[in-house]
Amino acid sequence: MIQPPAPPLSYRAAGVDIDAGDALVERIKPFARKTLREGALGGLGGFGALFEVPRGYREPVLVSGTDGVGTKLKLAFELERHDTVGIDLVAMSVNDVLAQGAEPLFFLDYFACGRLEVETAARVIAGIARGCELAGCALIGGETAEMPGMYPAGEYDLAGFAVGVVEKAKIITGQAIAPGDAVLGLRSSGAHSNGFSLVRGILAAVRPDLSAPFDGERSLADALLEPTRIYVKPMLALMAGLPVKGMAHITGGGLTGNVPRVLPASVKAVLDASAWRRPPLFQWLQDAGKVAENEMHRVFNCGIGLVVVVDRENVRRALALLREAGEEALEIGRIEARRDGEAPTVVV
């Protein structure tokens, strides 16, 4: 028996919809245009993104960073909330670049999925553009990868890439930090994008009602998915007003894992946990998961998203500048000499 000829193969039949990808590019162009700043050349759609180093620098140094959103995405999938994870994506990279004294200039994103759902992707990328606006950097390029069979239906992954610039003489290394300096803390907006494997483990164990009122008018879902705070503009204002000796973005590894990254080996940071009120979300996570106190500080930011070290004489002025810029900041500790065998950061 003669078999009928097989239908012709196509990319669409194989699971990749080029037309959907083109439609997404058109959808996101208005979002990207809102983020443009001086230095951005051209628009979306080229083979490479172009950016001119700003004028006025004598010895400009580029600072780059990359990160993702991690398993916080799994919660976003479960709740079908895709509007804020893009802000998380931007925040995780621009706050890192900021920590070395750099002003973020531009951002690139990578969105990967099994089947491109234009509406979902547009919501995610609108969030990325919003994050770029908050950081004052341009969204000048990215990549959308549709890879059938690589991801479950309705899921995707994100990666972000930020580039900033700092005058070579103004790079923040932390090497000038000395005993007697003050440690300031800028409040977090929640768990940010860290520790969500533990968060999800706690949720699986206790199975709370995520839609129930939790913190005022917010639900537990709202509190968990609150996007990462972007500290760029307030910190640029602070650095323009006085010397900043060190800065630590509190990401994976929590307070005790990130503050040491900016400290010289000769000193330690002593943080006073009574100096700030732990937000209800972290208390709930600790109680529901029976999480040890030291584990909380190793995993979560516990309410402090950025740590800044300044001279003791500059504390009052620094707090005033940050508050003028709309940031809630507190003095949360001090720098002391470190003896052999002592931990570089302790929370007391």
C-alpha atoms as a PDB file:
ATOM      1  CA  MET A   1       0.000   0.000   0.000  1.00  0.00           C
ATOM      2  CA  ILE A   2       1.337   3.386  -0.983  1.00  0.00           C
ATOM      3  CA  GLN A   3       1.776   5.674   2.043  1.00  0.00           C
ATOM      4  CA  PRO A   4       0.651   9.295   1.644  1.00  0.00           C
ATOM      5  CA  PRO A   5       3.524  11.752   1.648  1.00  0.00           C
ATOM      6  CA  ALA A   6       4.435  13.184   5.052  1.00  0.00           C
ATOM      7  CA  PRO A   7       3.347  16.774   5.599  1.00  0.00           C
ATOM      8  CA  PRO A   8       6.144  19.289   5.091  1.00  0.00           C
ATOM      9  CA  LEU A   9       7.984  20.213   8.266  1.00  0.00           C
ATOM     10  CA  SER A  10       8.162  23.784   9.542  1.00  0.00           C
ATOM     11  CA  TYR A  11       9.638  25.614  12.499  1.00  0.00           C
ATOM     12  CA  ARG A  12       6.104  26.317  13.753  1.00  0.00           C
ATOM     13  CA  ALA A  13       5.223  22.626  13.560  1.00  0.00           C
ATOM     14  CA  ALA A  14       8.370  21.871  15.543  1.00  0.00           C
ATOM     15  CA  GLY A  15       7.159  24.207  18.298  1.00  0.00           C
ATOM     16  CA  VAL A  16       8.833  27.558  17.536  1.00  0.00           C
ATOM     17  CA  ASP A  17       6.541  30.418  16.496  1.00  0.00           C
ATOM     18  CA  ILE A  18       8.631  33.106  14.798  1.00  0.00           C
ATOM     19  CA  ASP A  19       5.566  35.286  14.307  1.00  0.00           C
ATOM     20  CA  ALA A  20       4.889  35.251  18.062  1.00  0.00           C
ATOM     21  CA  GLY A  21       8.482  36.318  18.696  1.00  0.00           C
ATOM     22  CA  ASP A  22       8.124  39.210  16.247  1.00  0.00           C
ATOM     23  CA  ALA A  23       4.838  40.204  17.879  1.00  0.00           C
ATOM     24  CA  LEU A  24       6.520  40.239  21.287  1.00  0.00           C
ATOM     25  CA  VAL A  25       9.286  42.555  20.054  1.00  0.00           C
ATOM     26  CA  GLU A  26       6.657  45.010  18.817  1.00  0.00           C
ATOM     27  CA  ARG A  27       4.787  44.780  22.132  1.00  0.00           C
ATOM     28  CA  ILE A  28       7.841  45.579  24.235  1.00  0.00           C
ATOM     29  CA  LYS A  29       9.299  48.422  22.152  1.00  0.00           C
ATOM     30  CA  PRO A  30       7.196  51.089  23.956  1.00  0.00           C
ATOM     31  CA  PHE A  31       8.385  49.749  27.335  1.00  0.00           C
ATOM     32  CA  ALA A  32      12.017  49.929  26.241  1.00  0.00           C
ATOM     33  CA  ARG A  33      11.627  53.447  24.831  1.00  0.00           C
ATOM     34  CA  LYS A  34      10.534  54.695  28.269  1.00  0.00           C
ATOM     35  CA  THR A  35      13.891  53.596  29.719  1.00  0.00           C
ATOM     36  CA  LEU A  36      16.157  55.335  27.206  1.00  0.00           C
ATOM     37  CA  ARG A  37      18.822  57.631  28.611  1.00  0.00           C
ATOM     38  CA  GLU A  38      21.809  59.553  27.323  1.00  0.00           C
ATOM     39  CA  GLY A  39      24.304  57.134  25.778  1.00  0.00           C
ATOM     40  CA  ALA A  40      21.818  54.662  24.336  1.00  0.00           C
ATOM     41  CA  LEU A  41      22.268  54.337  20.558  1.00  0.00           C
ATOM     42  CA  GLY A  42      19.734  52.664  18.318  1.00  0.00           C
ATOM     43  CA  GLY A  43      16.791  50.539  19.430  1.00  0.00           C
ATOM     44  CA  LEU A  44      15.685  46.947  19.845  1.00  0.00           C
ATOM     45  CA  GLY A  45      16.148  44.486  17.019  1.00  0.00           C
ATOM     46  CA  GLY A  46      19.815  44.810  16.135  1.00  0.00           C
ATOM     47  CA  PHE A  47      22.408  42.077  16.492  1.00  0.00           C
ATOM     48  CA  GLY A  48      24.040  43.975  19.332  1.00  0.00           C
ATOM     49  CA  ALA A  49      23.054  46.726  21.735  1.00  0.00           C
ATOM     50  CA  LEU A  50      25.004  49.975  21.480  1.00  0.00           C
ATOM     51  CA  PHE A  51      25.821  52.321  24.336  1.00  0.00           C
ATOM     52  CA  GLU A  52      28.255  55.224  24.456  1.00  0.00           C
ATOM     53  CA  VAL A  53      30.294  55.693  27.640  1.00  0.00           C
ATOM     54  CA  PRO A  54      29.059  58.950  29.224  1.00  0.00           C
ATOM     55  CA  ARG A  55      31.189  62.056  28.859  1.00  0.00           C
ATOM     56  CA  GLY A  56      32.838  63.640  31.849  1.00  0.00           C
ATOM     57  CA  TYR A  57      34.737  60.619  33.161  1.00  0.00           C
ATOM     58  CA  ARG A  58      38.544  60.874  33.262  1.00  0.00           C
ATOM     59  CA  GLU A  59      39.160  57.185  33.912  1.00  0.00           C
ATOM     60  CA  PRO A  60      35.844  55.369  33.424  1.00  0.00           C
ATOM     61  CA  VAL A  61      35.683  51.766  34.630  1.00  0.00           C
ATOM     62  CA  LEU A  62      32.830  49.531  33.503  1.00  0.00           C
ATOM     63  CA  VAL A  63      31.257  47.327  36.165  1.00  0.00           C
ATOM     64  CA  SER A  64      29.097  44.397  35.064  1.00  0.00           C
ATOM     65  CA  GLY A  65      26.754  42.053  36.880  1.00  0.00           C
ATOM     66  CA  THR A  66      24.434  39.185  36.048  1.00  0.00           C
ATOM     67  CA  ASP A  67      21.772  37.307  38.000  1.00  0.00           C
ATOM     68  CA  GLY A  68      18.357  35.701  37.829  1.00  0.00           C
ATOM     69  CA  VAL A  69      15.236  35.513  39.962  1.00  0.00           C
ATOM     70  CA  GLY A  70      15.725  31.942  41.188  1.00  0.00           C
ATOM     71  CA  THR A  71      12.934  29.746  42.498  1.00  0.00           C
ATOM     72  CA  LYS A  72      10.793  32.759  43.352  1.00  0.00           C
ATOM     73  CA  LEU A  73       9.636  32.191  39.785  1.00  0.00           C
ATOM     74  CA  LYS A  74       7.982  28.907  40.822  1.00  0.00           C
ATOM     75  CA  LEU A  75       5.721  30.848  43.180  1.00  0.00           C
ATOM     76  CA  ALA A  76       4.948  33.369  40.441  1.00  0.00           C
ATOM     77  CA  PHE A  77       3.941  30.506  38.126  1.00  0.00           C
ATOM     78  CA  GLU A  78       1.740  28.949  40.795  1.00  0.00           C
ATOM     79  CA  LEU A  79      -0.037  32.241  41.479  1.00  0.00           C
ATOM     80  CA  GLU A  80      -0.023  33.325  37.811  1.00  0.00           C
ATOM     81  CA  ARG A  81       1.573  36.651  38.723  1.00  0.00           C
ATOM     82  CA  HIS A  82       4.088  37.809  36.148  1.00  0.00           C
ATOM     83  CA  ASP A  83       4.102  41.595  36.560  1.00  0.00           C
ATOM     84  CA  THR A  84       6.803  42.064  39.195  1.00  0.00           C
ATOM     85  CA  VAL A  85       9.416  39.352  38.632  1.00  0.00           C
ATOM     86  CA  GLY A  86      10.979  41.597  35.990  1.00  0.00           C
ATOM     87  CA  ILE A  87      11.643  44.210  38.671  1.00  0.00           C
ATOM     88  CA  ASP A  88      13.322  41.481  40.730  1.00  0.00           C
ATOM     89  CA  LEU A  89      15.489  40.589  37.756  1.00  0.00           C
ATOM     90  CA  VAL A  90      16.753  44.138  37.283  1.00  0.00           C
ATOM     91  CA  ALA A  91      17.219  44.750  40.997  1.00  0.00           C
ATOM     92  CA  MET A  92      19.439  41.739  41.559  1.00  0.00           C
ATOM     93  CA  SER A  93      21.985  42.961  39.008  1.00  0.00           C
ATOM     94  CA  VAL A  94      21.833  46.744  39.371  1.00  0.00           C
ATOM     95  CA  ASN A  95      22.129  46.595  43.172  1.00  0.00           C
ATOM     96  CA  ASP A  96      25.242  44.441  42.772  1.00  0.00           C
ATOM     97  CA  VAL A  97      26.799  46.880  40.308  1.00  0.00           C
ATOM     98  CA  LEU A  98      25.891  49.743  42.634  1.00  0.00           C
ATOM     99  CA  ALA A  99      27.743  48.075  45.518  1.00  0.00           C
ATOM    100  CA  GLN A 100      31.071  48.936  43.867  1.00  0.00           C
ATOM    101  CA  GLY A 101      30.100  52.557  43.429  1.00  0.00           C
ATOM    102  CA  ALA A 102      28.899  52.321  39.832  1.00  0.00           C
ATOM    103  CA  GLU A 103      25.920  53.992  38.226  1.00  0.00           C
ATOM    104  CA  PRO A 104      24.002  51.404  36.147  1.00  0.00           C
ATOM    105  CA  LEU A 105      23.920  52.420  32.488  1.00  0.00           C
ATOM    106  CA  PHE A 106      22.103  49.688  30.612  1.00  0.00           C
ATOM    107  CA  PHE A 107      20.438  46.319  31.009  1.00  0.00           C
ATOM    108  CA  LEU A 108      19.957  43.222  28.849  1.00  0.00           C
ATOM    109  CA  ASP A 109      17.486  40.429  29.542  1.00  0.00           C
ATOM    110  CA  TYR A 110      17.194  36.767  28.552  1.00  0.00           C
ATOM    111  CA  PHE A 111      13.723  35.192  28.554  1.00  0.00           C
ATOM    112  CA  ALA A 112      13.586  31.445  27.862  1.00  0.00           C
ATOM    113  CA  CYS A 113      10.475  29.296  27.568  1.00  0.00           C
ATOM    114  CA  GLY A 114       9.155  26.120  25.989  1.00  0.00           C
ATOM    115  CA  ARG A 115       6.301  27.828  24.149  1.00  0.00           C
ATOM    116  CA  LEU A 116       6.122  31.588  23.827  1.00  0.00           C
ATOM    117  CA  GLU A 117       2.960  33.079  25.307  1.00  0.00           C
ATOM    118  CA  VAL A 118       3.123  36.664  24.128  1.00  0.00           C
ATOM    119  CA  GLU A 119       0.837  38.100  26.817  1.00  0.00           C
ATOM    120  CA  THR A 120       2.796  36.516  29.683  1.00  0.00           C
ATOM    121  CA  ALA A 121       6.161  37.479  28.210  1.00  0.00           C
ATOM    122  CA  ALA A 122       4.986  41.057  27.644  1.00  0.00           C
ATOM    123  CA  ARG A 123       3.936  41.315  31.312  1.00  0.00           C
ATOM    124  CA  VAL A 124       7.332  40.054  32.438  1.00  0.00           C
ATOM    125  CA  ILE A 125       9.255  42.432  30.188  1.00  0.00           C
ATOM    126  CA  ALA A 126       7.055  45.369  31.188  1.00  0.00           C
ATOM    127  CA  GLY A 127       8.262  44.631  34.729  1.00  0.00           C
ATOM    128  CA  ILE A 128      11.856  44.591  33.518  1.00  0.00           C
ATOM    129  CA  ALA A 129      11.340  47.999  31.914  1.00  0.00           C
ATOM    130  CA  ARG A 130       9.805  49.305  35.130  1.00  0.00           C
ATOM    131  CA  GLY A 131      12.857  48.082  37.058  1.00  0.00           C
ATOM    132  CA  CYS A 132      15.117  49.866  34.593  1.00  0.00           C
ATOM    133  CA  GLU A 133      13.165  53.091  35.098  1.00  0.00           C
ATOM    134  CA  LEU A 134      13.586  52.775  38.869  1.00  0.00           C
ATOM    135  CA  ALA A 135      17.324  52.207  38.398  1.00  0.00           C
ATOM    136  CA  GLY A 136      17.762  54.946  35.795  1.00  0.00           C
ATOM    137  CA  CYS A 137      19.290  52.550  33.272  1.00  0.00           C
ATOM    138  CA  ALA A 138      18.315  51.797  29.685  1.00  0.00           C
ATOM    139  CA  LEU A 139      16.789  48.514  28.538  1.00  0.00           C
ATOM    140  CA  ILE A 140      18.635  48.309  25.234  1.00  0.00           C
ATOM    141  CA  GLY A 141      18.495  44.653  24.237  1.00  0.00           C
ATOM    142  CA  GLY A 142      17.848  41.061  25.131  1.00  0.00           C
ATOM    143  CA  GLU A 143      16.956  37.635  23.849  1.00  0.00           C
ATOM    144  CA  THR A 144      13.733  35.638  23.762  1.00  0.00           C
ATOM    145  CA  ALA A 145      14.434  31.930  23.372  1.00  0.00           C
ATOM    146  CA  GLU A 146      11.589  29.547  22.537  1.00  0.00           C
ATOM    147  CA  MET A 147      12.834  25.994  23.137  1.00  0.00           C
ATOM    148  CA  PRO A 148      10.174  23.276  22.881  1.00  0.00           C
ATOM    149  CA  GLY A 149      10.624  20.501  25.417  1.00  0.00           C
ATOM    150  CA  MET A 150      13.015  22.449  27.641  1.00  0.00           C
ATOM    151  CA  TYR A 151      10.453  23.911  30.059  1.00  0.00           C
ATOM    152  CA  PRO A 152       7.060  22.754  31.382  1.00  0.00           C
ATOM    153  CA  ALA A 153       3.994  24.474  29.932  1.00  0.00           C
ATOM    154  CA  GLY A 154       3.469  27.910  31.434  1.00  0.00           C
ATOM    155  CA  GLU A 155       6.994  28.193  32.856  1.00  0.00           C
ATOM    156  CA  TYR A 156      10.003  30.243  31.808  1.00  0.00           C
ATOM    157  CA  ASP A 157      13.394  31.306  33.095  1.00  0.00           C
ATOM    158  CA  LEU A 158      14.994  34.732  33.309  1.00  0.00           C
ATOM    159  CA  ALA A 159      18.527  36.070  33.360  1.00  0.00           C
ATOM    160  CA  GLY A 160      19.630  39.680  33.487  1.00  0.00           C
ATOM    161  CA  PHE A 161      22.833  41.544  32.699  1.00  0.00           C
ATOM    162  CA  ALA A 162      23.685  45.068  33.885  1.00  0.00           C
ATOM    163  CA  VAL A 163      26.606  47.314  33.036  1.00  0.00           C
ATOM    164  CA  GLY A 164      27.502  50.421  35.019  1.00  0.00           C
ATOM    165  CA  VAL A 165      30.324  52.946  35.140  1.00  0.00           C
ATOM    166  CA  VAL A 166      32.407  54.433  37.939  1.00  0.00           C
ATOM    167  CA  GLU A 167      35.383  56.763  38.040  1.00  0.00           C
ATOM    168  CA  LYS A 168      38.439  54.600  38.722  1.00  0.00           C
ATOM    169  CA  ALA A 169      39.415  56.649  41.778  1.00  0.00           C
ATOM    170  CA  LYS A 170      35.905  56.242  43.231  1.00  0.00           C
ATOM    171  CA  ILE A 171      35.540  52.457  43.043  1.00  0.00           C
ATOM    172  CA  ILE A 172      34.198  51.203  46.380  1.00  0.00           C
ATOM    173  CA  THR A 173      36.337  48.268  47.518  1.00  0.00           C
ATOM    174  CA  GLY A 174      35.854  48.352  51.279  1.00  0.00           C
ATOM    175  CA  GLN A 175      39.590  48.427  51.894  1.00  0.00           C
ATOM    176  CA  ALA A 176      39.353  51.774  53.737  1.00  0.00           C
ATOM    177  CA  ILE A 177      36.918  50.384  56.327  1.00  0.00           C
ATOM    178  CA  ALA A 178      38.407  50.682  59.828  1.00  0.00           C
ATOM    179  CA  PRO A 179      37.427  50.106  63.464  1.00  0.00           C
ATOM    180  CA  GLY A 180      35.053  52.801  64.670  1.00  0.00           C
ATOM    181  CA  ASP A 181      33.166  53.119  61.373  1.00  0.00           C
ATOM    182  CA  ALA A 182      29.384  52.927  61.452  1.00  0.00           C
ATOM    183  CA  VAL A 183      27.208  50.372  59.696  1.00  0.00           C
ATOM    184  CA  LEU A 184      23.949  51.606  58.196  1.00  0.00           C
ATOM    185  CA  GLY A 185      21.101  49.461  56.951  1.00  0.00           C
ATOM    186  CA  LEU A 186      18.559  50.272  54.243  1.00  0.00           C
ATOM    187  CA  ARG A 187      15.278  48.476  54.678  1.00  0.00           C
ATOM    188  CA  SER A 188      14.303  45.665  52.348  1.00  0.00           C
ATOM    189  CA  SER A 189      10.895  45.315  50.721  1.00  0.00           C
ATOM    190  CA  GLY A 190      10.627  41.677  51.788  1.00  0.00           C
ATOM    191  CA  ALA A 191      12.536  38.506  51.026  1.00  0.00           C
ATOM    192  CA  HIS A 192      13.644  40.050  47.712  1.00  0.00           C
ATOM    193  CA  SER A 193      14.727  37.150  45.456  1.00  0.00           C
ATOM    194  CA  ASN A 194      16.668  35.017  47.897  1.00  0.00           C
ATOM    195  CA  GLY A 195      15.967  32.001  50.048  1.00  0.00           C
ATOM    196  CA  PHE A 196      12.914  30.898  48.071  1.00  0.00           C
ATOM    197  CA  SER A 197      13.892  27.252  48.058  1.00  0.00           C
ATOM    198  CA  LEU A 198      13.525  27.408  51.848  1.00  0.00           C
ATOM    199  CA  VAL A 199      10.402  29.569  51.553  1.00  0.00           C
ATOM    200  CA  ARG A 200       8.789  27.035  49.235  1.00  0.00           C
ATOM    201  CA  GLY A 201       9.785  24.216  51.571  1.00  0.00           C
ATOM    202  CA  ILE A 202       8.030  26.006  54.434  1.00  0.00           C
ATOM    203  CA  LEU A 203       4.938  26.619  52.299  1.00  0.00           C
ATOM    204  CA  ALA A 204       4.831  22.950  51.285  1.00  0.00           C
ATOM    205  CA  ALA A 205       5.072  21.877  54.933  1.00  0.00           C
ATOM    206  CA  VAL A 206       2.414  24.145  56.443  1.00  0.00           C
ATOM    207  CA  ARG A 207       0.199  24.785  53.371  1.00  0.00           C
ATOM    208  CA  PRO A 208      -1.091  28.239  54.387  1.00  0.00           C
ATOM    209  CA  ASP A 209      -3.845  30.110  52.590  1.00  0.00           C
ATOM    210  CA  LEU A 210      -1.750  32.435  50.427  1.00  0.00           C
ATOM    211  CA  SER A 211      -4.758  34.638  49.659  1.00  0.00           C
ATOM    212  CA  ALA A 212      -5.707  35.279  53.289  1.00  0.00           C
ATOM    213  CA  PRO A 213      -4.996  38.711  54.862  1.00  0.00           C
ATOM    214  CA  PHE A 214      -1.501  38.714  56.295  1.00  0.00           C
ATOM    215  CA  ASP A 215       0.047  42.142  56.768  1.00  0.00           C
ATOM    216  CA  GLY A 216      -2.561  44.862  56.864  1.00  0.00           C
ATOM    217  CA  GLU A 217      -4.455  44.692  53.580  1.00  0.00           C
ATOM    218  CA  ARG A 218      -1.859  42.462  51.926  1.00  0.00           C
ATOM    219  CA  SER A 219      -2.092  38.704  51.515  1.00  0.00           C
ATOM    220  CA  LEU A 220       0.769  36.331  52.227  1.00  0.00           C
ATOM    221  CA  ALA A 221       1.161  35.976  48.451  1.00  0.00           C
ATOM    222  CA  ASP A 222       1.546  39.750  48.145  1.00  0.00           C
ATOM    223  CA  ALA A 223       4.204  39.796  50.862  1.00  0.00           C
ATOM    224  CA  LEU A 224       6.168  36.932  49.295  1.00  0.00           C
ATOM    225  CA  LEU A 225       6.083  38.334  45.764  1.00  0.00           C
ATOM    226  CA  GLU A 226       6.860  41.947  46.741  1.00  0.00           C
ATOM    227  CA  PRO A 227       9.625  42.861  44.270  1.00  0.00           C
ATOM    228  CA  THR A 228      13.209  43.498  45.292  1.00  0.00           C
ATOM    229  CA  ARG A 229      13.906  47.068  46.294  1.00  0.00           C
ATOM    230  CA  ILE A 230      16.166  49.021  43.925  1.00  0.00           C
ATOM    231  CA  TYR A 231      18.586  51.231  45.849  1.00  0.00           C
ATOM    232  CA  VAL A 232      20.319  52.967  42.953  1.00  0.00           C
ATOM    233  CA  LYS A 233      18.967  56.518  43.010  1.00  0.00           C
ATOM    234  CA  PRO A 234      19.115  57.054  46.804  1.00  0.00           C
ATOM    235  CA  MET A 235      22.641  55.629  46.958  1.00  0.00           C
ATOM    236  CA  LEU A 236      23.866  57.749  44.037  1.00  0.00           C
ATOM    237  CA  ALA A 237      22.569  60.782  45.961  1.00  0.00           C
ATOM    238  CA  LEU A 238      24.393  59.618  49.084  1.00  0.00           C
ATOM    239  CA  MET A 239      27.675  59.007  47.243  1.00  0.00           C
ATOM    240  CA  ALA A 240      27.446  62.481  45.694  1.00  0.00           C
ATOM    241  CA  GLY A 241      27.139  63.962  49.175  1.00  0.00           C
ATOM    242  CA  LEU A 242      29.773  62.143  51.224  1.00  0.00           C
ATOM    243  CA  PRO A 243      32.336  59.307  51.069  1.00  0.00           C
ATOM    244  CA  VAL A 244      30.955  55.760  51.276  1.00  0.00           C
ATOM    245  CA  LYS A 245      33.539  53.252  52.485  1.00  0.00           C
ATOM    246  CA  GLY A 246      31.704  50.027  51.767  1.00  0.00           C
ATOM    247  CA  MET A 247      28.435  48.654  50.470  1.00  0.00           C
ATOM    248  CA  ALA A 248      26.985  45.135  50.589  1.00  0.00           C
ATOM    249  CA  HIS A 249      23.891  44.009  48.704  1.00  0.00           C
ATOM    250  CA  ILE A 250      22.184  41.412  50.920  1.00  0.00           C
ATOM    251  CA  THR A 251      21.407  38.567  48.538  1.00  0.00           C
ATOM    252  CA  GLY A 252      21.893  34.781  48.813  1.00  0.00           C
ATOM    253  CA  GLY A 253      23.883  34.144  51.974  1.00  0.00           C
ATOM    254  CA  GLY A 254      21.942  36.704  53.995  1.00  0.00           C
ATOM    255  CA  LEU A 255      23.505  39.256  56.298  1.00  0.00           C
ATOM    256  CA  THR A 256      26.297  37.072  57.604  1.00  0.00           C
ATOM    257  CA  GLY A 257      27.296  35.881  54.136  1.00  0.00           C
ATOM    258  CA  ASN A 258      27.306  39.173  52.253  1.00  0.00           C
ATOM    259  CA  VAL A 259      28.636  41.810  54.638  1.00  0.00           C
ATOM    260  CA  PRO A 260      32.048  40.048  54.875  1.00  0.00           C
ATOM    261  CA  ARG A 261      32.477  40.409  51.109  1.00  0.00           C
ATOM    262  CA  VAL A 262      33.230  44.122  51.532  1.00  0.00           C
ATOM    263  CA  LEU A 263      35.325  43.952  54.734  1.00  0.00           C
ATOM    264  CA  PRO A 264      39.128  43.908  55.003  1.00  0.00           C
ATOM    265  CA  ALA A 265      40.445  40.839  56.834  1.00  0.00           C
ATOM    266  CA  SER A 266      41.474  42.992  59.815  1.00  0.00           C
ATOM    267  CA  VAL A 267      37.946  44.032  60.840  1.00  0.00           C
ATOM    268  CA  LYS A 268      34.541  42.590  61.628  1.00  0.00           C
ATOM    269  CA  ALA A 269      31.024  43.986  61.492  1.00  0.00           C
ATOM    270  CA  VAL A 270      28.937  43.757  64.661  1.00  0.00           C
ATOM    271  CA  LEU A 271      25.250  44.129  63.801  1.00  0.00           C
ATOM    272  CA  ASP A 272      22.675  44.894  66.486  1.00  0.00           C
ATOM    273  CA  ALA A 273      19.488  42.955  65.702  1.00  0.00           C
ATOM    274  CA  SER A 274      17.517  45.192  68.089  1.00  0.00           C
ATOM    275  CA  ALA A 275      18.294  48.233  65.924  1.00  0.00           C
ATOM    276  CA  TRP A 276      15.576  47.341  63.438  1.00  0.00           C
ATOM    277  CA  ARG A 277      12.218  45.588  63.622  1.00  0.00           C
ATOM    278  CA  ARG A 278      12.115  42.308  61.760  1.00  0.00           C
ATOM    279  CA  PRO A 279       9.226  42.519  59.270  1.00  0.00           C
ATOM    280  CA  PRO A 280       6.254  40.184  59.881  1.00  0.00           C
ATOM    281  CA  LEU A 281       7.100  38.046  56.834  1.00  0.00           C
ATOM    282  CA  PHE A 282      10.421  36.928  58.292  1.00  0.00           C
ATOM    283  CA  GLN A 283       8.903  36.245  61.703  1.00  0.00           C
ATOM    284  CA  TRP A 284       6.219  34.134  60.038  1.00  0.00           C
ATOM    285  CA  LEU A 285       8.805  32.188  58.036  1.00  0.00           C
ATOM    286  CA  GLN A 286      10.905  31.557  61.142  1.00  0.00           C
ATOM    287  CA  ASP A 287       7.938  30.453  63.223  1.00  0.00           C
ATOM    288  CA  ALA A 288       6.238  28.373  60.536  1.00  0.00           C
ATOM    289  CA  GLY A 289       9.467  26.653  59.497  1.00  0.00           C
ATOM    290  CA  LYS A 290      11.030  26.476  62.964  1.00  0.00           C
ATOM    291  CA  VAL A 291      14.114  28.049  61.417  1.00  0.00           C
ATOM    292  CA  ALA A 292      17.074  28.662  63.752  1.00  0.00           C
ATOM    293  CA  GLU A 293      18.127  32.272  64.319  1.00  0.00           C
ATOM    294  CA  ASN A 294      21.585  31.836  62.787  1.00  0.00           C
ATOM    295  CA  GLU A 295      20.010  30.149  59.751  1.00  0.00           C
ATOM    296  CA  MET A 296      17.697  33.135  59.284  1.00  0.00           C
ATOM    297  CA  HIS A 297      20.713  35.442  59.076  1.00  0.00           C
ATOM    298  CA  ARG A 298      22.536  33.053  56.690  1.00  0.00           C
ATOM    299  CA  VAL A 299      19.601  32.794  54.274  1.00  0.00           C
ATOM    300  CA  PHE A 300      17.471  35.953  54.416  1.00  0.00           C
ATOM    301  CA  ASN A 301      18.032  39.695  54.553  1.00  0.00           C
ATOM    302  CA  CYS A 302      15.736  39.786  57.630  1.00  0.00           C
ATOM    303  CA  GLY A 303      14.581  43.283  56.721  1.00  0.00           C
ATOM    304  CA  ILE A 304      17.885  44.903  55.660  1.00  0.00           C
ATOM    305  CA  GLY A 305      18.446  44.871  51.903  1.00  0.00           C
ATOM    306  CA  LEU A 306      21.596  46.985  51.652  1.00  0.00           C
ATOM    307  CA  VAL A 307      24.376  47.587  54.183  1.00  0.00           C
ATOM    308  CA  VAL A 308      26.487  50.742  53.957  1.00  0.00           C
ATOM    309  CA  VAL A 309      29.651  51.608  55.913  1.00  0.00           C
ATOM    310  CA  VAL A 310      30.564  55.243  56.562  1.00  0.00           C
ATOM    311  CA  ASP A 311      32.786  57.230  58.918  1.00  0.00           C
ATOM    312  CA  ARG A 312      31.176  57.666  62.333  1.00  0.00           C
ATOM    313  CA  GLU A 313      31.236  61.458  61.868  1.00  0.00           C
ATOM    314  CA  ASN A 314      29.124  61.140  58.704  1.00  0.00           C
ATOM    315  CA  VAL A 315      26.283  59.050  60.183  1.00  0.00           C
ATOM    316  CA  ARG A 316      23.776  61.836  60.793  1.00  0.00           C
ATOM    317  CA  ARG A 317      24.366  63.423  57.382  1.00  0.00           C
ATOM    318  CA  ALA A 318      24.185  60.052  55.619  1.00  0.00           C
ATOM    319  CA  LEU A 319      20.859  59.156  57.232  1.00  0.00           C
ATOM    320  CA  ALA A 320      19.473  62.579  56.343  1.00  0.00           C
ATOM    321  CA  LEU A 321      20.546  62.285  52.686  1.00  0.00           C
ATOM    322  CA  LEU A 322      19.021  58.837  52.367  1.00  0.00           C
ATOM    323  CA  ARG A 323      15.753  59.942  53.919  1.00  0.00           C
ATOM    324  CA  GLU A 324      15.644  62.976  51.623  1.00  0.00           C
ATOM    325  CA  ALA A 325      15.986  60.518  48.725  1.00  0.00           C
ATOM    326  CA  GLY A 326      13.019  58.514  50.006  1.00  0.00           C
ATOM    327  CA  GLU A 327      14.935  55.675  51.634  1.00  0.00           C
ATOM    328  CA  GLU A 328      14.360  54.425  55.172  1.00  0.00           C
ATOM    329  CA  ALA A 329      17.796  53.944  56.708  1.00  0.00           C
ATOM    330  CA  LEU A 330      19.020  53.105  60.202  1.00  0.00           C
ATOM    331  CA  GLU A 331      22.283  52.766  62.063  1.00  0.00           C
ATOM    332  CA  ILE A 332      22.481  49.025  62.705  1.00  0.00           C
ATOM    333  CA  GLY A 333      26.030  48.313  63.837  1.00  0.00           C
ATOM    334  CA  ARG A 334      29.700  49.131  64.051  1.00  0.00           C
ATOM    335  CA  ILE A 335      33.082  48.040  62.751  1.00  0.00           C
ATOM    336  CA  GLU A 336      35.536  46.524  65.228  1.00  0.00           C
ATOM    337  CA  ALA A 337      39.013  45.031  65.016  1.00  0.00           C
ATOM    338  CA  ARG A 338      38.927  41.320  64.227  1.00  0.00           C
ATOM    339  CA  ARG A 339      41.011  38.760  66.084  1.00  0.00           C
ATOM    340  CA  ASP A 340      42.203  35.482  64.588  1.00  0.00           C
ATOM    341  CA  GLY A 341      39.417  32.938  64.493  1.00  0.00           C
ATOM    342  CA  GLU A 342      36.596  35.453  64.869  1.00  0.00           C
ATOM    343  CA  ALA A 343      33.720  35.561  62.397  1.00  0.00           C
ATOM    344  CA  PRO A 344      33.837  38.548  60.016  1.00  0.00           C
ATOM    345  CA  THR A 345      30.203  39.443  60.745  1.00  0.00           C
ATOM    346  CA  VAL A 346      28.163  38.731  63.849  1.00  0.00           C
ATOM    347  CA  VAL A 347      24.563  39.588  64.703  1.00  0.00           C
ATOM    348  CA  VAL A 348      24.004  40.231  68.419  1.00  0.00           C
END
